[in-house]
Protein backbone atom coordinates (compact mmCIF):
# COMPACT_ATOMS: atom_id res chain seq x y z
CA MET A 1 21.04 -34.35 26.46
CA ILE A 2 18.73 -31.57 25.29
CA GLU A 3 21.31 -28.91 26.23
CA ILE A 4 24.07 -30.81 24.43
CA ASP A 5 21.93 -31.10 21.30
CA GLU A 6 21.15 -27.39 21.49
CA MET A 7 24.81 -26.43 21.62
CA LEU A 8 25.60 -28.85 18.82
CA SER A 9 22.80 -27.37 16.69
CA ILE A 10 24.21 -23.87 17.19
CA ARG A 11 27.71 -25.05 16.29
CA ALA A 12 26.42 -26.88 13.22
CA ALA A 13 24.52 -23.76 12.14
CA GLU A 14 27.63 -21.59 12.56
CA LEU A 15 29.68 -23.94 10.41
CA TYR A 16 26.96 -24.27 7.77
CA TYR A 17 25.81 -20.64 7.44
CA GLU A 18 28.91 -18.67 8.45
CA GLU A 19 31.77 -20.97 7.38
CA ASN A 20 29.98 -22.38 4.29
CA LYS A 21 30.83 -25.94 5.27
CA THR A 22 28.91 -28.82 3.73
CA GLN A 23 26.94 -31.19 5.91
CA ASP A 24 29.56 -33.89 5.27
CA GLU A 25 32.34 -31.52 6.36
CA ILE A 26 30.42 -30.55 9.48
CA GLY A 27 29.94 -34.23 10.26
CA SER A 28 33.68 -34.79 10.10
CA ILE A 29 34.41 -31.76 12.31
CA LEU A 30 31.80 -32.64 14.94
CA ARG A 31 32.22 -36.42 14.54
CA LEU A 32 28.58 -36.87 13.63
CA THR A 33 26.73 -38.56 10.80
CA ARG A 34 25.44 -36.47 7.94
CA TRP A 35 21.90 -37.40 9.01
CA LYS A 36 22.57 -36.08 12.53
CA VAL A 37 23.94 -32.80 11.10
CA GLY A 38 20.81 -32.32 9.01
CA ARG A 39 18.64 -32.92 12.06
CA LEU A 40 20.64 -30.39 14.11
CA LEU A 41 20.29 -27.73 11.42
CA ALA A 42 16.53 -28.33 11.25
CA GLN A 43 16.39 -28.11 15.04
CA ALA A 44 18.31 -24.81 15.04
CA LYS A 45 15.85 -23.35 12.54
CA ALA A 46 12.78 -24.65 14.39
CA ASN A 47 14.05 -23.18 17.69
CA GLY A 48 14.56 -19.75 16.15
CA PHE A 49 18.36 -19.82 16.35
CA ILE A 50 18.60 -19.09 12.63
CA ARG A 51 17.08 -16.05 10.94
CA ILE A 52 17.31 -15.88 7.17
CA GLU A 53 16.53 -12.59 5.41
CA ILE A 54 16.21 -11.94 1.69
CA VAL A 55 17.39 -8.35 1.31
CA HIS A 56 16.68 -7.72 -2.38
CA PRO A 57 14.54 -4.53 -2.68
CA ARG A 58 11.82 -6.46 -4.51
CA ALA A 59 11.67 -9.30 -2.01
CA ARG A 60 8.27 -10.09 -0.51
CA ARG A 61 7.03 -11.71 2.72
CA LEU A 62 4.90 -14.49 1.24
CA GLY A 63 3.94 -15.99 4.60
CA MET A 64 2.57 -12.68 5.82
CA GLU A 65 0.68 -12.25 2.57
CA ARG A 66 -1.07 -15.59 3.09
CA ARG A 67 -1.89 -14.81 6.70
CA LEU A 68 -3.32 -11.39 5.81
CA VAL A 69 -5.65 -12.89 3.24
CA GLU A 70 -6.71 -15.61 5.69
CA ALA A 71 -7.31 -13.13 8.55
CA THR A 72 -9.18 -10.42 6.61
CA ARG A 73 -11.60 -9.89 3.73
CA LEU A 74 -8.72 -9.19 1.35
CA THR A 75 -8.53 -11.23 -1.83
CA ASP A 76 -4.84 -10.43 -2.30
CA ALA A 77 -1.97 -8.93 -0.32
CA ILE A 78 1.50 -7.79 -1.33
CA VAL A 79 3.93 -7.37 1.57
CA VAL A 80 7.40 -5.99 0.90
CA SER A 81 10.43 -6.73 3.02
CA THR A 82 11.85 -3.92 5.15
CA ALA A 83 15.28 -5.56 5.39
CA GLY A 84 18.03 -3.04 4.75
CA ILE A 85 15.68 -0.08 4.40
CA GLN A 86 17.02 3.24 5.61
CA GLY A 87 14.43 5.98 5.89
CA ASP A 88 10.85 6.64 4.83
CA ASP A 89 11.76 7.55 1.26
CA GLU A 90 13.30 4.14 0.64
CA LEU A 91 10.30 2.41 2.20
CA GLN A 92 7.92 4.37 -0.01
CA ALA A 93 9.98 3.61 -3.11
CA ARG A 94 10.06 -0.11 -2.33
CA THR A 95 6.31 -0.24 -1.73
CA ALA A 96 5.60 1.79 -4.87
CA GLN A 97 7.73 -0.63 -6.91
CA ALA A 98 5.73 -3.56 -5.53
CA ALA A 99 2.47 -1.81 -6.44
CA ALA A 100 3.79 -1.12 -9.94
CA ASP A 101 4.80 -4.77 -10.34
CA TYR A 102 1.38 -5.93 -9.13
CA LEU A 103 -0.48 -3.56 -11.46
CA ALA A 104 1.61 -4.66 -14.45
CA GLY A 105 0.82 -8.29 -13.67
CA LEU A 106 -2.97 -7.92 -13.49
CA ARG A 107 -4.93 -10.20 -15.81
CA PRO A 108 -7.21 -9.27 -17.36
CA VAL A 109 -5.69 -5.83 -17.83
CA PRO A 110 -8.12 -3.18 -16.52
CA ARG A 111 -9.52 -1.26 -19.46
CA THR A 112 -10.42 1.67 -17.22
CA LEU A 113 -8.23 2.29 -14.18
CA GLY A 114 -9.46 4.76 -11.59
CA ILE A 115 -6.68 6.41 -9.60
CA SER A 116 -6.36 8.86 -6.74
CA TRP A 117 -3.35 11.13 -6.32
CA GLY A 118 -0.66 12.04 -3.82
CA ARG A 119 2.97 11.28 -3.12
CA THR A 120 2.54 7.50 -3.05
CA LEU A 121 0.61 7.29 -6.32
CA HIS A 122 3.10 9.63 -7.99
CA GLU A 123 5.88 7.27 -6.88
CA VAL A 124 3.98 4.29 -8.32
CA SER A 125 3.70 6.09 -11.66
CA LEU A 126 7.47 6.58 -11.74
CA HIS A 127 8.16 2.89 -11.04
CA LEU A 128 5.80 1.55 -13.69
CA ARG A 129 7.69 0.34 -16.73
CA ALA A 130 6.80 1.61 -20.18
CA GLY A 131 4.52 -0.91 -21.90
CA TRP A 132 3.11 -2.30 -18.63
CA ALA A 133 -0.21 -2.59 -20.48
CA SER A 134 -1.80 -1.43 -23.72
CA GLY A 135 -4.75 0.88 -24.27
CA VAL A 136 -5.69 1.56 -20.64
CA ASN A 137 -7.86 4.59 -19.91
CA VAL A 138 -6.69 6.14 -16.64
CA VAL A 139 -9.30 8.31 -14.93
CA GLN A 140 -8.98 10.44 -11.82
CA ILE A 141 -11.42 9.41 -9.11
CA ASN A 142 -11.16 12.52 -6.93
CA GLY A 143 -10.43 16.18 -7.46
CA GLY A 144 -6.79 17.07 -7.55
CA VAL A 145 -6.21 20.56 -8.88
CA SER A 146 -3.67 21.67 -6.27
CA LEU A 147 -3.71 25.11 -4.73
CA ASN A 148 0.04 25.66 -4.31
CA ARG A 149 3.51 24.35 -5.23
CA ARG A 150 2.28 20.82 -5.89
CA ALA A 151 0.11 21.98 -8.77
CA GLY A 152 -0.03 19.41 -11.53
CA THR A 153 0.92 16.38 -9.43
CA ALA A 154 -2.47 14.70 -9.79
CA ALA A 155 -2.62 15.29 -13.53
CA ASN A 156 1.01 14.26 -14.02
CA THR A 157 0.41 11.01 -12.18
CA ALA A 158 -2.58 10.07 -14.33
CA VAL A 159 -0.85 11.08 -17.56
CA THR A 160 2.34 9.16 -16.71
CA ILE A 161 0.47 5.93 -15.90
CA ALA A 162 -1.61 6.26 -19.08
CA GLU A 163 1.32 7.09 -21.36
CA LYS A 164 3.26 4.07 -20.11
CA ALA A 165 0.25 1.92 -21.08
CA SER A 166 -0.21 3.53 -24.51
CA GLY A 167 -3.56 4.72 -23.21
CA THR A 168 -5.39 7.93 -22.43
CA ALA A 169 -5.78 9.98 -19.28
CA THR A 170 -9.14 11.45 -18.32
CA LEU A 171 -8.61 14.21 -15.78
CA LEU A 172 -11.05 15.56 -13.23
CA PRO A 173 -10.90 19.35 -13.63
CA SER A 174 -11.75 20.23 -10.06
CA PRO A 175 -10.17 20.92 -6.68
CA ALA A 176 -10.38 18.10 -4.14
CA ILE A 177 -12.30 20.11 -1.54
CA LEU A 178 -14.38 23.25 -2.04
CA GLU A 179 -14.93 25.92 0.61
CA ARG A 180 -18.66 26.21 -0.04
CA LEU A 181 -21.19 23.43 -0.57
CA GLU A 182 -22.95 25.48 -3.25
CA THR A 183 -19.70 25.71 -5.23
CA LYS A 184 -19.11 21.98 -4.96
CA GLN A 185 -22.65 21.22 -6.11
CA ALA A 186 -22.28 23.54 -9.08
CA ILE A 187 -18.96 22.01 -10.13
CA ALA A 188 -20.21 18.43 -9.71
CA ALA A 189 -23.22 19.28 -11.86
CA ASP A 190 -21.06 20.64 -14.67
CA ARG A 191 -21.40 18.37 -17.71
CA ALA A 192 -17.65 17.80 -18.14
CA VAL A 193 -17.06 17.05 -14.46
CA ALA A 194 -20.14 14.83 -14.20
CA ALA A 195 -18.96 12.80 -17.20
CA VAL A 196 -15.58 12.15 -15.57
CA LEU A 197 -17.21 11.14 -12.28
CA GLU A 198 -19.51 8.76 -14.14
CA MET A 199 -16.53 7.19 -15.88
CA ALA A 200 -14.69 6.93 -12.55
CA ALA A 201 -17.69 5.19 -10.97
CA GLY A 202 -17.58 2.57 -13.73
CA ALA A 203 -13.85 1.83 -13.61
CA SER A 204 -12.87 -1.83 -13.84
CA ALA A 205 -10.15 -1.39 -11.17
CA TYR A 206 -9.07 1.26 -8.67
CA LEU A 207 -5.61 2.21 -7.44
CA PHE A 208 -5.37 4.54 -4.46
CA SER A 209 -3.43 5.33 -1.33
CA ALA A 210 -4.44 6.77 2.03
CA GLY A 211 -3.20 9.74 4.00
CA GLN A 212 -2.43 9.98 7.68
CA ALA A 213 -4.38 12.43 9.82
CA ASP A 214 -1.61 14.90 10.67
CA GLU A 215 0.16 17.96 9.33
CA ASN A 216 2.06 15.80 6.83
CA SER A 217 -1.11 15.02 4.91
CA ALA A 218 -0.97 15.71 1.17
CA LEU A 219 -4.21 17.65 1.61
CA VAL A 220 -2.39 20.06 3.94
CA ASP A 221 0.62 20.18 1.66
CA SER A 222 -1.64 20.95 -1.29
CA GLY A 223 -3.42 23.77 0.50
CA TYR A 224 -6.87 22.24 0.97
CA LEU A 225 -6.76 21.95 4.75
CA THR A 226 -4.75 23.51 7.57
CA ALA A 227 -2.96 21.71 10.37
CA GLY A 228 -5.60 23.10 12.71
CA GLN A 229 -8.43 21.61 10.65
CA ILE A 230 -6.66 18.25 10.70
CA ALA A 231 -6.42 18.48 14.50
CA ASP A 232 -10.18 19.08 14.64
CA LEU A 233 -10.74 15.99 12.47
CA VAL A 234 -8.54 13.93 14.77
CA ASP A 235 -10.65 15.13 17.73
CA LYS A 236 -13.65 13.69 15.87
CA GLY A 237 -11.89 10.33 15.56
CA ALA A 238 -10.15 10.62 12.18
CA VAL A 239 -7.27 8.21 11.53
CA GLY A 240 -6.68 9.33 7.94
CA ASP A 241 -8.26 9.94 4.57
CA VAL A 242 -9.10 7.83 1.53
CA VAL A 243 -9.62 9.77 -1.72
CA GLY A 244 -9.88 12.93 0.34
CA ARG A 245 -12.58 11.64 2.69
CA TYR A 246 -11.64 11.36 6.38
CA ILE A 247 -12.63 8.23 8.28
CA ASP A 248 -12.36 6.86 11.79
CA ALA A 249 -11.05 3.45 12.84
CA THR A 250 -14.29 1.77 11.72
CA GLY A 251 -14.29 3.38 8.28
CA ARG A 252 -17.05 5.87 9.13
CA ILE A 253 -16.91 9.40 7.68
CA VAL A 254 -16.04 11.68 10.61
CA ASP A 255 -17.16 15.04 9.20
CA PRO A 256 -20.22 14.76 6.91
CA GLU A 257 -20.17 18.49 6.15
CA LEU A 258 -16.58 18.35 4.90
CA ASP A 259 -17.37 15.17 3.02
CA GLN A 260 -20.20 16.91 1.17
CA ARG A 261 -17.71 19.53 -0.06
CA THR A 262 -15.34 16.87 -1.40
CA ILE A 263 -15.26 16.05 -5.12
CA GLY A 264 -14.83 12.44 -6.20
CA ILE A 265 -16.30 8.97 -5.96
CA ASP A 266 -17.63 7.96 -2.57
CA HIS A 267 -16.42 5.07 -0.45
CA ASP A 268 -19.37 2.86 -1.27
CA GLN A 269 -18.12 2.71 -4.85
CA LEU A 270 -14.76 1.42 -3.63
CA ARG A 271 -16.47 -1.16 -1.43
CA LYS A 272 -18.51 -2.46 -4.38
CA ALA A 273 -15.49 -2.71 -6.69
CA THR A 274 -14.27 -6.07 -7.94
CA ARG A 275 -10.69 -4.85 -7.64
CA ALA A 276 -9.64 -1.95 -5.40
CA ILE A 277 -5.91 -1.77 -4.75
CA ALA A 278 -4.72 0.23 -1.74
CA VAL A 279 -1.03 1.16 -1.46
CA ILE A 280 -0.35 2.04 2.17
CA ALA A 281 2.95 1.78 4.03
CA GLY A 282 4.92 3.33 6.85
CA PRO A 283 4.67 3.56 10.65
CA ASN A 284 2.43 6.64 10.53
CA LYS A 285 -0.16 4.80 8.46
CA HIS A 286 -0.83 1.70 10.56
CA ALA A 287 -4.13 3.09 11.84
CA ILE A 288 -5.47 4.13 8.44
CA ALA A 289 -4.30 0.86 6.88
CA ARG A 290 -6.27 -1.07 9.52
CA ALA A 291 -9.37 1.08 8.92
CA VAL A 292 -9.17 0.59 5.15
CA VAL A 293 -8.80 -3.18 5.41
CA THR A 294 -11.33 -3.85 8.15
CA SER A 295 -14.02 -1.62 6.60
CA GLY A 296 -13.75 -3.28 3.20
CA LEU A 297 -12.41 -0.29 1.27
CA CYS A 298 -9.93 -2.42 -0.67
CA THR A 299 -9.68 -5.92 -2.09
CA THR A 300 -5.89 -5.80 -2.37
CA LEU A 301 -3.39 -4.23 0.03
CA VAL A 302 0.18 -3.38 -0.97
CA THR A 303 2.15 -2.63 2.17
CA ASP A 304 5.33 -3.24 4.17
CA GLU A 305 5.98 -6.03 6.63
CA ASP A 306 5.81 -3.79 9.72
CA THR A 307 2.36 -2.55 8.73
CA ALA A 308 1.29 -6.12 7.93
CA ARG A 309 2.54 -7.21 11.35
CA ALA A 310 0.50 -4.44 12.99
CA LEU A 311 -2.60 -5.60 11.12
CA LEU A 312 -2.09 -9.24 12.07
CA GLY A 313 -1.64 -8.40 15.74
CA PRO A 314 0.27 -10.07 18.59
CA GLY A 315 2.35 -13.08 17.69
CA GLU A 316 3.61 -11.64 14.43
């Protein structure tokens, strides 16, 4: 009887979802009552015979979002669908759009928004609609004067987000990492730089991403570190960086000497923030996403469903 019901439930599902038949029509075809057809369709869904996907690029996985919040210290989670995605660029664009939508929907609107920089944040700035807010002061939270072809990306990102909010951009006129500690200390003590860092420390919300610990890091691309230096950081346990500071799986800084030469707010300021939004997606960033979430570096995670599944563990 169970096997017969199973086959009937599959047939009912085929007629309903693939042939667009009504439950009454299915009842006539299978010589069943409408009530029995409804029960068979419910059975097919419960047994996993039916998989329904919403493939719109702005679709979200609400169930995963709830489970992430329940399983972690996050106060909010945004999980985008990966259905129909082809390639990393499309995944990044979809996640950036979700981050832009989330930022535009924040209430109250953050009067001072601290942002990091990099490819992901630049993408978010492009997806934000003009008029997403009004009068927001966008301030850079870590140095971002690039050393090569990506010059201007950090500044452009801050300016774009601010202009679309009819606000102002306060830039941090400093490289991300200095070669000598004495140089870093001198720059950080400069009155103009110190004023920006003080403003960044008092931001009402933060928006940042995280980089993977490999040769594709934006810090390598921007000329701050070499692939060899990244390999050395990985040997010390690094899984990625947050605002230019490399951490291990527990969120611990892996190279204190390098960290001391890095310009920007420290991680404790992110951990104390009322709202810290991390935008992290892609298969190469599962480890850094886990480290960010478990060590309390963000209150909100914007990510993709595969990364969310990796964070939630077996059974997802």
